[in-house]
Protein backbone atom coordinates (compact mmCIF):
# COMPACT_ATOMS: atom_id res chain seq x y z
CA MET A 1 -15.37 -43.13 12.58
CA SER A 2 -14.99 -45.20 9.42
CA GLY A 3 -14.32 -44.40 5.78
CA GLN A 4 -11.40 -42.52 4.33
CA MET A 5 -11.71 -38.77 3.78
CA TYR A 6 -9.67 -36.68 1.37
CA LYS A 7 -9.16 -32.96 0.87
CA VAL A 8 -8.68 -31.85 -2.72
CA GLU A 9 -7.21 -28.41 -3.38
CA ILE A 10 -7.35 -27.07 -6.90
CA VAL A 11 -5.46 -23.91 -7.87
CA THR A 12 -6.34 -22.71 -11.36
CA ARG A 13 -7.49 -19.82 -13.53
CA PRO A 14 -10.84 -18.42 -12.39
CA THR A 15 -12.36 -18.43 -15.89
CA ASN A 16 -13.74 -22.00 -15.80
CA PHE A 17 -15.09 -21.97 -12.25
CA GLU A 18 -18.78 -22.21 -13.14
CA LYS A 19 -18.18 -25.17 -15.44
CA LEU A 20 -16.01 -26.86 -12.78
CA LYS A 21 -18.71 -26.35 -10.14
CA THR A 22 -21.36 -27.80 -12.46
CA GLU A 23 -19.30 -30.86 -13.40
CA LEU A 24 -18.37 -31.55 -9.76
CA ALA A 25 -22.05 -31.42 -8.80
CA LYS A 26 -22.78 -34.04 -11.48
CA ILE A 27 -20.44 -36.53 -9.75
CA GLY A 28 -21.91 -35.84 -6.29
CA VAL A 29 -19.69 -33.10 -4.85
CA THR A 30 -22.15 -31.03 -2.85
CA SER A 31 -19.89 -28.68 -0.87
CA ILE A 32 -16.92 -26.63 -1.95
CA THR A 33 -14.98 -23.69 -0.59
CA PHE A 34 -13.26 -21.28 -2.96
CA TYR A 35 -11.41 -18.02 -2.81
CA ASN A 36 -9.28 -15.74 -4.96
CA VAL A 37 -5.51 -16.05 -4.59
CA HIS A 38 -2.43 -14.72 -6.34
CA GLY A 39 0.67 -16.68 -7.24
CA CYS A 40 3.56 -17.24 -9.56
CA GLY A 41 5.00 -20.35 -11.10
CA LEU A 42 6.54 -21.51 -14.35
CA GLN A 43 4.59 -19.06 -16.52
CA LYS A 44 6.49 -16.23 -18.13
CA GLY A 45 5.80 -12.72 -16.93
CA HIS A 46 3.44 -10.27 -18.55
CA THR A 47 3.43 -6.51 -18.94
CA GLU A 48 0.95 -4.46 -16.92
CA LEU A 49 0.09 -0.80 -17.21
CA TYR A 50 -0.15 0.81 -13.76
CA ARG A 51 -0.84 4.56 -13.58
CA GLY A 52 0.58 5.01 -17.05
CA VAL A 53 3.79 3.11 -16.32
CA LYS A 54 4.55 -0.26 -17.86
CA ARG A 55 5.90 -2.89 -15.52
CA GLU A 56 6.73 -6.60 -15.77
CA SER A 57 4.95 -8.99 -13.44
CA ASN A 58 4.90 -12.75 -12.99
CA VAL A 59 2.07 -12.73 -10.44
CA TYR A 60 -1.27 -14.04 -11.65
CA GLU A 61 -4.81 -14.13 -10.28
CA ARG A 62 -5.92 -17.65 -9.50
CA LEU A 63 -8.83 -19.40 -7.84
CA LYS A 64 -8.30 -21.92 -5.05
CA VAL A 65 -11.02 -24.52 -4.65
CA GLU A 66 -11.14 -26.81 -1.61
CA ILE A 67 -13.24 -29.97 -1.45
CA VAL A 68 -13.45 -32.69 1.21
CA VAL A 69 -14.86 -36.00 0.02
CA SER A 70 -15.58 -39.42 1.47
CA LYS A 71 -18.36 -40.98 -0.57
CA VAL A 72 -17.27 -39.53 -3.92
CA PRO A 73 -14.04 -41.22 -5.11
CA VAL A 74 -11.17 -38.76 -4.90
CA GLU A 75 -9.84 -40.04 -8.22
CA LYS A 76 -13.13 -39.04 -9.89
CA VAL A 77 -12.84 -35.52 -8.44
CA ALA A 78 -9.29 -35.14 -9.78
CA GLU A 79 -10.25 -36.58 -13.18
CA THR A 80 -13.26 -34.26 -13.48
CA ALA A 81 -11.17 -31.20 -12.56
CA GLN A 82 -8.51 -32.13 -15.10
CA ASN A 83 -11.08 -32.63 -17.85
CA VAL A 84 -12.64 -29.22 -17.19
CA LEU A 85 -9.50 -27.18 -16.56
CA LYS A 86 -6.87 -28.61 -18.93
CA THR A 87 -6.02 -26.36 -21.86
CA GLY A 88 -2.49 -27.65 -22.42
CA GLU A 89 -1.05 -24.21 -21.78
CA PRO A 90 1.15 -23.16 -18.83
CA GLY A 91 -0.98 -21.90 -15.96
CA ASP A 92 -3.70 -24.58 -16.05
CA GLY A 93 -2.99 -25.11 -12.36
CA LYS A 94 -2.36 -27.86 -9.85
CA ILE A 95 -4.40 -30.40 -7.88
CA PHE A 96 -3.27 -31.35 -4.38
CA ILE A 97 -4.77 -34.34 -2.54
CA TYR A 98 -4.45 -34.86 1.22
CA GLU A 99 -5.71 -37.56 3.55
CA ILE A 100 -7.96 -36.17 6.30
CA LYS A 101 -7.67 -37.69 9.76
CA ASN A 102 -10.97 -36.43 11.15
CA THR A 103 -13.79 -33.97 10.57
CA ILE A 104 -16.05 -32.61 13.31
CA ASN A 105 -19.39 -30.89 12.71
CA ILE A 106 -19.42 -28.09 15.27
CA ARG A 107 -23.21 -27.86 15.48
CA THR A 108 -24.03 -31.57 15.84
CA GLY A 109 -20.80 -33.03 17.20
CA GLU A 110 -20.79 -35.68 14.46
CA GLU A 111 -17.34 -36.91 13.46
CA GLY A 112 -15.72 -38.48 10.44
CA PRO A 113 -17.55 -38.85 7.12
CA ASP A 114 -20.90 -38.32 8.91
CA ALA A 115 -19.81 -34.74 9.65
CA LEU A 116 -19.53 -33.94 5.96
């Protein structure tokens, strides 16, 4: 097993997902996992209408994107995500980067970057 692997987690608004996916593909990111999440942070609350009753909420819908890279520089992934997702407004999101110790392909038994 050689080569460093990194996991990049991006939590952001779901509106720019298609553009993010396209731009990541251009730099060589071929596999991503994503799912809808909810969260709260520094953004101010907003008023919702639920069954005719107004209520304040500070919980927002977000998209969480997970990427594991070895051959694509992790800095390039973070830079690309920032360029696509940055609006300058609160709620643009966060990028988390983790070192990955090992990856195992269940079907083939390959390990490390070869398993990606």
